[in-house]
Amino acid sequence: MPELPEVEVVRAGLAPAVTGARIRAVEVLDERALTRHPLGAADFVGRLEGSDVRAAVRRGKFLWLPLDDGDEALIAHLGMSGQMLLRESDAPRERHERIRLQIEHPRHGRLAVAFADQRTFGSLAVDPLVPTPDAAPGGYGSDLTRVPSQVAHIARDAMDPAFADQAFITAVRRRSSAIKRVLLDQGLISGIGNIYADEALWAARIHPETHGAALSAQAVRRLLSEVRLVLEKALAEGGTSFDAQYVNVNGQAGYFAHSLNAYGRGGRACPRCGGPIRREAFMNRSSHYCPRCQRRR
């Protein structure tokens, strides 16, 4: 599933093309892509056509385009395999294309934004924007102090200037659950999935099953620092692509997979100590860590 770096790469690619653009036409090719929009395709099309896009914004794994006066937004969740692709307005259909927006930008002219999704777990929706409780911008990419109602329960991510470090440290040290579960809790810190949790814990030398309450404030602060470093490096390398399902708006894959130290390296040598990386079942997926470097408390 795309995590923060992958969604941010998509947001950054969309922003120049959609900010200030008008949505001229909307085609819904598969209503399964509207599971987050319960009023159906006709309502979805009616709310979008003729609207102007103000920005491209992200919080955690969610992406949205505020519309017109900022009361509503087109929200996108990419699910397992969703793609937001920029194309020429008359470009042929993408494989697994579900929705197409025809937009017109005052500088870039007419373009198409295609939402393609092989596994159909992703979704688009038009959602009302609600004020942020802390009066800070709703997400990265806009100063608008509003957030879609479907995203309001999602915590800020570690790259957000309004993320509260001390509140996070305090919350982690009150948790009796494994620190990896804590990192995956989108209500506490958003944008981190299996890949970047494993990588940050490896970098911080913390065993994924260590309870949050067993960590010192200094250890949690170090972990948060490593989370940011891992996310920044993944962003610089275009995200992590293991197959053709995650690509940027131009259809290009990221290459952070070549920089992974723990995730997906079960049985291979730890880049730090040379011991074997261990892979264990975790929440219907896997954890990867070095038993020698990341000793369990």
C-alpha atoms as a PDB file:
ATOM      1  CA  MET A   1       0.000   0.000   0.000  1.00  0.00           C
ATOM      2  CA  PRO A   2       1.359   3.468  -0.803  1.00  0.00           C
ATOM      3  CA  GLU A   3       2.637   5.203   2.329  1.00  0.00           C
ATOM      4  CA  LEU A   4       3.469   8.847   2.983  1.00  0.00           C
ATOM      5  CA  PRO A   5       6.419   9.175   0.560  1.00  0.00           C
ATOM      6  CA  GLU A   6       4.523   7.594  -2.326  1.00  0.00           C
ATOM      7  CA  VAL A   7       1.422   9.756  -1.777  1.00  0.00           C
ATOM      8  CA  GLU A   8       3.556  12.885  -1.379  1.00  0.00           C
ATOM      9  CA  VAL A   9       5.324  12.151  -4.667  1.00  0.00           C
ATOM     10  CA  VAL A  10       1.907  11.953  -6.340  1.00  0.00           C
ATOM     11  CA  ARG A  11       0.730  15.171  -4.627  1.00  0.00           C
ATOM     12  CA  ALA A  12       3.850  17.067  -5.670  1.00  0.00           C
ATOM     13  CA  GLY A  13       3.412  15.873  -9.249  1.00  0.00           C
ATOM     14  CA  LEU A  14      -0.237  16.878  -9.403  1.00  0.00           C
ATOM     15  CA  ALA A  15       0.086  20.280  -7.723  1.00  0.00           C
ATOM     16  CA  PRO A  16       1.504  22.358 -10.615  1.00  0.00           C
ATOM     17  CA  ALA A  17      -0.998  20.926 -13.097  1.00  0.00           C
ATOM     18  CA  VAL A  18      -4.185  21.114 -11.011  1.00  0.00           C
ATOM     19  CA  THR A  19      -3.746  24.215  -8.836  1.00  0.00           C
ATOM     20  CA  GLY A  20      -5.841  26.916 -10.478  1.00  0.00           C
ATOM     21  CA  ALA A  21      -7.326  24.496 -13.010  1.00  0.00           C
ATOM     22  CA  ARG A  22     -11.028  24.122 -13.776  1.00  0.00           C
ATOM     23  CA  ILE A  23     -12.633  20.688 -13.943  1.00  0.00           C
ATOM     24  CA  ARG A  24     -14.383  20.683 -17.313  1.00  0.00           C
ATOM     25  CA  ALA A  25     -15.733  17.125 -17.412  1.00  0.00           C
ATOM     26  CA  VAL A  26     -15.790  13.977 -15.292  1.00  0.00           C
ATOM     27  CA  GLU A  27     -16.186  10.401 -16.527  1.00  0.00           C
ATOM     28  CA  VAL A  28     -16.981   7.625 -14.060  1.00  0.00           C
ATOM     29  CA  LEU A  29     -16.023   4.384 -15.791  1.00  0.00           C
ATOM     30  CA  ASP A  30     -16.380   2.121 -12.742  1.00  0.00           C
ATOM     31  CA  GLU A  31     -18.511   3.049  -9.726  1.00  0.00           C
ATOM     32  CA  ARG A  32     -16.427   0.775  -7.498  1.00  0.00           C
ATOM     33  CA  ALA A  33     -14.008   3.707  -7.389  1.00  0.00           C
ATOM     34  CA  LEU A  34     -16.643   5.737  -5.500  1.00  0.00           C
ATOM     35  CA  THR A  35     -17.012   3.646  -2.354  1.00  0.00           C
ATOM     36  CA  ARG A  36     -16.179   6.726  -0.256  1.00  0.00           C
ATOM     37  CA  HIS A  37     -18.819   8.772  -2.114  1.00  0.00           C
ATOM     38  CA  PRO A  38     -22.120   7.148  -1.064  1.00  0.00           C
ATOM     39  CA  LEU A  39     -24.342   9.505  -3.117  1.00  0.00           C
ATOM     40  CA  GLY A  40     -23.276   7.856  -6.361  1.00  0.00           C
ATOM     41  CA  ALA A  41     -21.786   8.777  -9.701  1.00  0.00           C
ATOM     42  CA  ALA A  42     -24.293  11.437 -10.803  1.00  0.00           C
ATOM     43  CA  ASP A  43     -23.818  13.415  -7.593  1.00  0.00           C
ATOM     44  CA  PHE A  44     -20.033  13.010  -7.825  1.00  0.00           C
ATOM     45  CA  VAL A  45     -19.964  14.342 -11.386  1.00  0.00           C
ATOM     46  CA  GLY A  46     -22.361  17.186 -10.603  1.00  0.00           C
ATOM     47  CA  ARG A  47     -20.289  18.410  -7.669  1.00  0.00           C
ATOM     48  CA  LEU A  48     -17.045  18.418  -9.653  1.00  0.00           C
ATOM     49  CA  GLU A  49     -17.862  19.703 -13.122  1.00  0.00           C
ATOM     50  CA  GLY A  50     -17.253  23.437 -13.351  1.00  0.00           C
ATOM     51  CA  SER A  51     -15.305  23.560 -10.058  1.00  0.00           C
ATOM     52  CA  ASP A  52     -11.908  25.214  -9.683  1.00  0.00           C
ATOM     53  CA  VAL A  53      -9.098  23.424  -7.865  1.00  0.00           C
ATOM     54  CA  ARG A  54      -7.302  25.499  -5.218  1.00  0.00           C
ATOM     55  CA  ALA A  55      -4.390  23.213  -4.314  1.00  0.00           C
ATOM     56  CA  ALA A  56      -3.187  19.634  -3.895  1.00  0.00           C
ATOM     57  CA  VAL A  57      -2.937  18.694  -0.212  1.00  0.00           C
ATOM     58  CA  ARG A  58      -1.825  15.627   1.738  1.00  0.00           C
ATOM     59  CA  ARG A  59      -2.056  14.294   5.267  1.00  0.00           C
ATOM     60  CA  GLY A  60      -0.528  10.886   5.869  1.00  0.00           C
ATOM     61  CA  LYS A  61      -1.773   8.586   3.112  1.00  0.00           C
ATOM     62  CA  PHE A  62      -4.709  10.824   2.106  1.00  0.00           C
ATOM     63  CA  LEU A  63      -4.647  13.290  -0.781  1.00  0.00           C
ATOM     64  CA  TRP A  64      -7.228  15.951  -1.535  1.00  0.00           C
ATOM     65  CA  LEU A  65      -7.921  18.844  -3.898  1.00  0.00           C
ATOM     66  CA  PRO A  66      -9.821  21.740  -2.231  1.00  0.00           C
ATOM     67  CA  LEU A  67     -12.469  23.150  -4.553  1.00  0.00           C
ATOM     68  CA  ASP A  68     -13.758  26.686  -5.198  1.00  0.00           C
ATOM     69  CA  ASP A  69     -14.256  28.542  -1.892  1.00  0.00           C
ATOM     70  CA  GLY A  70     -12.809  25.738   0.258  1.00  0.00           C
ATOM     71  CA  ASP A  71     -16.067  24.187   1.483  1.00  0.00           C
ATOM     72  CA  GLU A  72     -15.524  20.869  -0.325  1.00  0.00           C
ATOM     73  CA  ALA A  73     -12.642  18.820  -1.679  1.00  0.00           C
ATOM     74  CA  LEU A  74     -12.050  15.954  -4.050  1.00  0.00           C
ATOM     75  CA  ILE A  75     -10.452  13.371  -1.779  1.00  0.00           C
ATOM     76  CA  ALA A  76      -8.396  10.388  -2.940  1.00  0.00           C
ATOM     77  CA  HIS A  77      -7.240   7.319  -1.086  1.00  0.00           C
ATOM     78  CA  LEU A  78      -5.032   5.123  -3.262  1.00  0.00           C
ATOM     79  CA  GLY A  79      -5.723   1.880  -1.390  1.00  0.00           C
ATOM     80  CA  MET A  80      -3.423  -0.945  -2.478  1.00  0.00           C
ATOM     81  CA  SER A  81      -2.866  -0.039  -6.118  1.00  0.00           C
ATOM     82  CA  GLY A  82      -4.474   3.310  -6.913  1.00  0.00           C
ATOM     83  CA  GLN A  83      -2.716   5.665  -9.331  1.00  0.00           C
ATOM     84  CA  MET A  84      -3.328   9.327 -10.165  1.00  0.00           C
ATOM     85  CA  LEU A  85      -1.883   9.907 -13.628  1.00  0.00           C
ATOM     86  CA  LEU A  86      -1.475  13.106 -15.646  1.00  0.00           C
ATOM     87  CA  ARG A  87      -2.112  12.648 -19.346  1.00  0.00           C
ATOM     88  CA  GLU A  88      -2.899  14.624 -22.490  1.00  0.00           C
ATOM     89  CA  SER A  89      -6.614  15.354 -22.678  1.00  0.00           C
ATOM     90  CA  ASP A  90      -7.124  12.942 -25.589  1.00  0.00           C
ATOM     91  CA  ALA A  91      -4.808  10.196 -24.306  1.00  0.00           C
ATOM     92  CA  PRO A  92      -6.102   6.616 -24.590  1.00  0.00           C
ATOM     93  CA  ARG A  93      -7.553   4.905 -21.545  1.00  0.00           C
ATOM     94  CA  GLU A  94      -5.171   3.553 -18.954  1.00  0.00           C
ATOM     95  CA  ARG A  95      -5.305  -0.084 -18.037  1.00  0.00           C
ATOM     96  CA  HIS A  96      -7.638  -0.384 -15.014  1.00  0.00           C
ATOM     97  CA  GLU A  97      -8.767   3.239 -15.404  1.00  0.00           C
ATOM     98  CA  ARG A  98     -11.804   3.926 -13.213  1.00  0.00           C
ATOM     99  CA  ILE A  99     -12.342   7.713 -13.350  1.00  0.00           C
ATOM    100  CA  ARG A 100     -11.088  10.481 -15.636  1.00  0.00           C
ATOM    101  CA  LEU A 101     -11.150  14.226 -14.978  1.00  0.00           C
ATOM    102  CA  GLN A 102     -10.781  16.629 -17.880  1.00  0.00           C
ATOM    103  CA  ILE A 103      -9.186  19.821 -16.570  1.00  0.00           C
ATOM    104  CA  GLU A 104      -8.122  23.141 -18.080  1.00  0.00           C
ATOM    105  CA  HIS A 105      -5.265  25.121 -16.559  1.00  0.00           C
ATOM    106  CA  PRO A 106      -4.692  28.796 -17.438  1.00  0.00           C
ATOM    107  CA  ARG A 107      -1.037  28.106 -18.214  1.00  0.00           C
ATOM    108  CA  HIS A 108      -0.764  24.402 -19.027  1.00  0.00           C
ATOM    109  CA  GLY A 109      -3.936  24.118 -21.090  1.00  0.00           C
ATOM    110  CA  ARG A 110      -6.113  21.019 -21.223  1.00  0.00           C
ATOM    111  CA  LEU A 111      -5.034  17.867 -19.417  1.00  0.00           C
ATOM    112  CA  ALA A 112      -6.573  14.663 -18.111  1.00  0.00           C
ATOM    113  CA  VAL A 113      -6.225  13.259 -14.601  1.00  0.00           C
ATOM    114  CA  ALA A 114      -6.825   9.501 -14.713  1.00  0.00           C
ATOM    115  CA  PHE A 115      -7.521   7.458 -11.592  1.00  0.00           C
ATOM    116  CA  ALA A 116      -6.492   3.858 -12.282  1.00  0.00           C
ATOM    117  CA  ASP A 117      -6.754   1.069  -9.726  1.00  0.00           C
ATOM    118  CA  GLN A 118      -6.089  -2.594 -10.434  1.00  0.00           C
ATOM    119  CA  ARG A 119      -7.379  -3.993  -7.135  1.00  0.00           C
ATOM    120  CA  THR A 120     -10.242  -1.472  -6.700  1.00  0.00           C
ATOM    121  CA  PHE A 121      -9.476  -0.826  -3.014  1.00  0.00           C
ATOM    122  CA  GLY A 122      -8.853   2.873  -3.660  1.00  0.00           C
ATOM    123  CA  SER A 123     -11.570   5.479  -3.934  1.00  0.00           C
ATOM    124  CA  LEU A 124     -12.379   9.075  -4.841  1.00  0.00           C
ATOM    125  CA  ALA A 125     -15.077  11.197  -3.209  1.00  0.00           C
ATOM    126  CA  VAL A 126     -16.273  14.766  -2.858  1.00  0.00           C
ATOM    127  CA  ASP A 127     -16.202  15.520   0.856  1.00  0.00           C
ATOM    128  CA  PRO A 128     -17.018  18.601   2.974  1.00  0.00           C
ATOM    129  CA  LEU A 129     -14.080  20.390   4.570  1.00  0.00           C
ATOM    130  CA  VAL A 130     -14.229  20.978   8.335  1.00  0.00           C
ATOM    131  CA  PRO A 131     -12.074  23.275  10.505  1.00  0.00           C
ATOM    132  CA  THR A 132      -8.932  21.814  12.060  1.00  0.00           C
ATOM    133  CA  PRO A 133      -9.153  21.685  15.887  1.00  0.00           C
ATOM    134  CA  ASP A 134      -5.726  23.312  16.307  1.00  0.00           C
ATOM    135  CA  ALA A 135      -6.354  26.048  13.685  1.00  0.00           C
ATOM    136  CA  ALA A 136      -3.248  24.892  11.768  1.00  0.00           C
ATOM    137  CA  PRO A 137      -3.307  24.049   8.050  1.00  0.00           C
ATOM    138  CA  GLY A 138      -5.149  20.826   7.355  1.00  0.00           C
ATOM    139  CA  GLY A 139      -2.273  19.197   5.508  1.00  0.00           C
ATOM    140  CA  TYR A 140       0.882  19.684   3.510  1.00  0.00           C
ATOM    141  CA  GLY A 141       0.443  21.767   0.372  1.00  0.00           C
ATOM    142  CA  SER A 142      -2.014  24.458   1.488  1.00  0.00           C
ATOM    143  CA  ASP A 143      -2.490  27.072   4.218  1.00  0.00           C
ATOM    144  CA  LEU A 144      -6.220  26.316   4.371  1.00  0.00           C
ATOM    145  CA  THR A 145      -7.107  25.476   7.990  1.00  0.00           C
ATOM    146  CA  ARG A 146      -9.624  22.843   6.955  1.00  0.00           C
ATOM    147  CA  VAL A 147      -9.506  19.121   6.387  1.00  0.00           C
ATOM    148  CA  PRO A 148     -11.959  16.695   4.703  1.00  0.00           C
ATOM    149  CA  SER A 149     -14.387  15.178   7.184  1.00  0.00           C
ATOM    150  CA  GLN A 150     -13.201  11.693   6.165  1.00  0.00           C
ATOM    151  CA  VAL A 151      -9.644  12.631   7.164  1.00  0.00           C
ATOM    152  CA  ALA A 152     -10.416  14.573  10.357  1.00  0.00           C
ATOM    153  CA  HIS A 153      -9.802  11.522  12.576  1.00  0.00           C
ATOM    154  CA  ILE A 154      -6.381  10.887  11.001  1.00  0.00           C
ATOM    155  CA  ALA A 155      -3.450  12.221  13.015  1.00  0.00           C
ATOM    156  CA  ARG A 156      -0.909  14.606  11.541  1.00  0.00           C
ATOM    157  CA  ASP A 157       2.190  12.985  10.083  1.00  0.00           C
ATOM    158  CA  ALA A 158       5.779  13.431  11.205  1.00  0.00           C
ATOM    159  CA  MET A 159       6.555  15.714   8.232  1.00  0.00           C
ATOM    160  CA  ASP A 160       3.748  18.125   9.153  1.00  0.00           C
ATOM    161  CA  PRO A 161       5.038  21.386  10.720  1.00  0.00           C
ATOM    162  CA  ALA A 162       2.100  21.231  13.155  1.00  0.00           C
ATOM    163  CA  PHE A 163       2.980  17.715  14.381  1.00  0.00           C
ATOM    164  CA  ALA A 164       3.352  17.822  18.194  1.00  0.00           C
ATOM    165  CA  ASP A 165       6.540  15.930  19.079  1.00  0.00           C
ATOM    166  CA  GLN A 166       6.116  16.027  22.847  1.00  0.00           C
ATOM    167  CA  ALA A 167       2.495  14.888  22.728  1.00  0.00           C
ATOM    168  CA  PHE A 168       3.570  11.947  20.550  1.00  0.00           C
ATOM    169  CA  ILE A 169       6.412  10.999  22.920  1.00  0.00           C
ATOM    170  CA  THR A 170       4.054  11.123  25.897  1.00  0.00           C
ATOM    171  CA  ALA A 171       1.404   9.052  24.116  1.00  0.00           C
ATOM    172  CA  VAL A 172       3.897   6.365  23.055  1.00  0.00           C
ATOM    173  CA  ARG A 173       5.230   5.965  26.591  1.00  0.00           C
ATOM    174  CA  ARG A 174       1.695   5.359  27.845  1.00  0.00           C
ATOM    175  CA  ARG A 175       1.109   2.480  25.432  1.00  0.00           C
ATOM    176  CA  SER A 176       1.549  -1.116  26.526  1.00  0.00           C
ATOM    177  CA  SER A 177       1.378  -2.390  22.952  1.00  0.00           C
ATOM    178  CA  ALA A 178       4.323  -3.141  20.649  1.00  0.00           C
ATOM    179  CA  ILE A 179       6.033  -0.074  19.245  1.00  0.00           C
ATOM    180  CA  LYS A 180       5.462  -1.217  15.662  1.00  0.00           C
ATOM    181  CA  ARG A 181       1.714  -1.337  16.300  1.00  0.00           C
ATOM    182  CA  VAL A 182       1.984   2.177  17.719  1.00  0.00           C
ATOM    183  CA  LEU A 183       3.749   3.447  14.582  1.00  0.00           C
ATOM    184  CA  LEU A 184       1.005   1.960  12.407  1.00  0.00           C
ATOM    185  CA  ASP A 185      -1.765   3.647  14.429  1.00  0.00           C
ATOM    186  CA  GLN A 186      -2.991   6.329  12.009  1.00  0.00           C
ATOM    187  CA  GLY A 187      -4.852   8.017  14.869  1.00  0.00           C
ATOM    188  CA  LEU A 188      -1.541   8.753  16.597  1.00  0.00           C
ATOM    189  CA  ILE A 189       0.850   9.343  13.702  1.00  0.00           C
ATOM    190  CA  SER A 190      -0.197   9.011  10.080  1.00  0.00           C
ATOM    191  CA  GLY A 191       1.528   8.011   6.876  1.00  0.00           C
ATOM    192  CA  ILE A 192       3.647   5.145   8.218  1.00  0.00           C
ATOM    193  CA  GLY A 193       3.006   1.631   6.954  1.00  0.00           C
ATOM    194  CA  ASN A 194       4.868  -1.642   7.122  1.00  0.00           C
ATOM    195  CA  ILE A 195       7.866  -0.590   5.040  1.00  0.00           C
ATOM    196  CA  TYR A 196       8.808   2.601   6.816  1.00  0.00           C
ATOM    197  CA  ALA A 197       7.987   1.260  10.281  1.00  0.00           C
ATOM    198  CA  ASP A 198      10.510  -1.549   9.771  1.00  0.00           C
ATOM    199  CA  GLU A 199      13.097   0.839   8.359  1.00  0.00           C
ATOM    200  CA  ALA A 200      12.748   3.421  11.148  1.00  0.00           C
ATOM    201  CA  LEU A 201      12.888   0.781  13.901  1.00  0.00           C
ATOM    202  CA  TRP A 202      16.000  -0.738  12.317  1.00  0.00           C
ATOM    203  CA  ALA A 203      17.659   2.680  12.144  1.00  0.00           C
ATOM    204  CA  ALA A 204      16.757   3.415  15.782  1.00  0.00           C
ATOM    205  CA  ARG A 205      17.914  -0.079  16.905  1.00  0.00           C
ATOM    206  CA  ILE A 206      14.534  -0.822  18.521  1.00  0.00           C
ATOM    207  CA  HIS A 207      12.901  -4.259  18.426  1.00  0.00           C
ATOM    208  CA  PRO A 208       9.416  -4.035  16.839  1.00  0.00           C
ATOM    209  CA  GLU A 209       7.828  -5.910  19.773  1.00  0.00           C
ATOM    210  CA  THR A 210       9.217  -3.571  22.433  1.00  0.00           C
ATOM    211  CA  HIS A 211       6.329  -2.043  24.358  1.00  0.00           C
ATOM    212  CA  GLY A 212       5.945   1.705  24.067  1.00  0.00           C
ATOM    213  CA  ALA A 213       5.927   1.997  27.855  1.00  0.00           C
ATOM    214  CA  ALA A 214       9.359   0.318  27.987  1.00  0.00           C
ATOM    215  CA  LEU A 215      10.978   3.073  25.920  1.00  0.00           C
ATOM    216  CA  SER A 216      12.564   6.158  27.421  1.00  0.00           C
ATOM    217  CA  ALA A 217      11.614   9.607  26.184  1.00  0.00           C
ATOM    218  CA  GLN A 218      15.060   9.807  24.605  1.00  0.00           C
ATOM    219  CA  ALA A 219      14.501   6.545  22.727  1.00  0.00           C
ATOM    220  CA  VAL A 220      11.118   7.696  21.383  1.00  0.00           C
ATOM    221  CA  ARG A 221      12.650  11.011  20.338  1.00  0.00           C
ATOM    222  CA  ARG A 222      15.406   9.121  18.518  1.00  0.00           C
ATOM    223  CA  LEU A 223      12.816   6.917  16.818  1.00  0.00           C
ATOM    224  CA  LEU A 224      10.829   9.959  15.680  1.00  0.00           C
ATOM    225  CA  SER A 225      14.007  11.443  14.251  1.00  0.00           C
ATOM    226  CA  GLU A 226      14.702   8.226  12.335  1.00  0.00           C
ATOM    227  CA  VAL A 227      11.110   8.161  11.047  1.00  0.00           C
ATOM    228  CA  ARG A 228      11.654  11.595   9.549  1.00  0.00           C
ATOM    229  CA  LEU A 229      15.027  10.687   8.067  1.00  0.00           C
ATOM    230  CA  VAL A 230      13.641   7.533   6.443  1.00  0.00           C
ATOM    231  CA  LEU A 231      10.638   9.392   5.011  1.00  0.00           C
ATOM    232  CA  GLU A 232      12.848  12.198   3.688  1.00  0.00           C
ATOM    233  CA  LYS A 233      15.203   9.749   2.009  1.00  0.00           C
ATOM    234  CA  ALA A 234      12.314   7.809   0.477  1.00  0.00           C
ATOM    235  CA  LEU A 235      10.856  11.071  -0.826  1.00  0.00           C
ATOM    236  CA  ALA A 236      14.176  12.019  -2.407  1.00  0.00           C
ATOM    237  CA  GLU A 237      14.228   8.659  -4.207  1.00  0.00           C
ATOM    238  CA  GLY A 238      10.640   8.843  -5.439  1.00  0.00           C
ATOM    239  CA  GLY A 239       9.161   6.334  -2.992  1.00  0.00           C
ATOM    240  CA  THR A 240       9.284   2.547  -2.909  1.00  0.00           C
ATOM    241  CA  SER A 241       8.141   0.471  -5.885  1.00  0.00           C
ATOM    242  CA  PHE A 242       8.189  -3.318  -5.829  1.00  0.00           C
ATOM    243  CA  ASP A 243       5.978  -3.663  -8.904  1.00  0.00           C
ATOM    244  CA  ALA A 244       4.169  -1.507 -11.438  1.00  0.00           C
ATOM    245  CA  GLN A 245       1.298  -0.692  -9.075  1.00  0.00           C
ATOM    246  CA  TYR A 246       2.946   2.320  -7.433  1.00  0.00           C
ATOM    247  CA  VAL A 247       4.071   4.993  -9.899  1.00  0.00           C
ATOM    248  CA  ASN A 248       4.181   8.774  -9.922  1.00  0.00           C
ATOM    249  CA  VAL A 249       1.844  10.958 -12.027  1.00  0.00           C
ATOM    250  CA  ASN A 250       3.994  10.301 -15.104  1.00  0.00           C
ATOM    251  CA  GLY A 251       3.920   6.529 -14.632  1.00  0.00           C
ATOM    252  CA  GLN A 252       7.489   6.266 -13.303  1.00  0.00           C
ATOM    253  CA  ALA A 253       8.474   3.971 -10.430  1.00  0.00           C
ATOM    254  CA  GLY A 254      10.340   5.068  -7.304  1.00  0.00           C
ATOM    255  CA  TYR A 255      13.681   3.466  -6.452  1.00  0.00           C
ATOM    256  CA  PHE A 256      13.910   3.553  -2.635  1.00  0.00           C
ATOM    257  CA  ALA A 257      13.580  -0.254  -2.675  1.00  0.00           C
ATOM    258  CA  HIS A 258      17.320  -0.323  -3.436  1.00  0.00           C
ATOM    259  CA  SER A 259      18.031   1.547  -0.181  1.00  0.00           C
ATOM    260  CA  LEU A 260      16.065  -0.665   2.215  1.00  0.00           C
ATOM    261  CA  ASN A 261      18.027  -1.993   5.182  1.00  0.00           C
ATOM    262  CA  ALA A 262      15.449  -4.307   6.802  1.00  0.00           C
ATOM    263  CA  TYR A 263      12.117  -4.523   4.986  1.00  0.00           C
ATOM    264  CA  GLY A 264      11.971  -7.361   2.476  1.00  0.00           C
ATOM    265  CA  ARG A 265      15.471  -8.560   3.392  1.00  0.00           C
ATOM    266  CA  GLY A 266      14.555 -11.657   5.433  1.00  0.00           C
ATOM    267  CA  GLY A 267      17.507 -14.078   5.593  1.00  0.00           C
ATOM    268  CA  ARG A 268      19.966 -11.564   4.127  1.00  0.00           C
ATOM    269  CA  ALA A 269      22.814  -9.926   6.002  1.00  0.00           C
ATOM    270  CA  CYS A 270      22.116  -6.869   8.136  1.00  0.00           C
ATOM    271  CA  PRO A 271      23.950  -3.923   6.515  1.00  0.00           C
ATOM    272  CA  ARG A 272      25.085  -2.796   9.967  1.00  0.00           C
ATOM    273  CA  CYS A 273      26.296  -5.906  11.787  1.00  0.00           C
ATOM    274  CA  GLY A 274      26.237  -8.689   9.190  1.00  0.00           C
ATOM    275  CA  GLY A 275      23.802 -10.875  11.120  1.00  0.00           C
ATOM    276  CA  PRO A 276      20.741 -12.313   9.339  1.00  0.00           C
ATOM    277  CA  ILE A 277      17.623 -10.164   9.062  1.00  0.00           C
ATOM    278  CA  ARG A 278      14.668 -12.030  10.541  1.00  0.00           C
ATOM    279  CA  ARG A 279      11.193 -12.064   9.046  1.00  0.00           C
ATOM    280  CA  GLU A 280       8.236 -12.790  11.322  1.00  0.00           C
ATOM    281  CA  ALA A 281       4.465 -12.749  10.871  1.00  0.00           C
ATOM    282  CA  PHE A 282       2.852  -9.551  12.102  1.00  0.00           C
ATOM    283  CA  MET A 283      -0.814  -8.464  11.755  1.00  0.00           C
ATOM    284  CA  ASN A 284      -1.431 -10.457   8.551  1.00  0.00           C
ATOM    285  CA  ARG A 285       1.841  -9.176   7.103  1.00  0.00           C
ATOM    286  CA  SER A 286       5.514  -9.402   8.094  1.00  0.00           C
ATOM    287  CA  SER A 287       8.045  -7.662  10.295  1.00  0.00           C
ATOM    288  CA  HIS A 288      11.704  -7.498   9.314  1.00  0.00           C
ATOM    289  CA  TYR A 289      14.376  -6.729  11.891  1.00  0.00           C
ATOM    290  CA  CYS A 290      17.881  -7.650  13.020  1.00  0.00           C
ATOM    291  CA  PRO A 291      17.825  -9.697  16.249  1.00  0.00           C
ATOM    292  CA  ARG A 292      21.425  -8.716  16.961  1.00  0.00           C
ATOM    293  CA  CYS A 293      21.054  -4.941  16.450  1.00  0.00           C
ATOM    294  CA  GLN A 294      17.484  -4.651  17.660  1.00  0.00           C
ATOM    295  CA  ARG A 295      17.422  -6.538  20.939  1.00  0.00           C
ATOM    296  CA  ARG A 296      14.049  -6.881  22.624  1.00  0.00           C
ATOM    297  CA  ARG A 297      13.675  -5.150  25.970  1.00  0.00           C
END
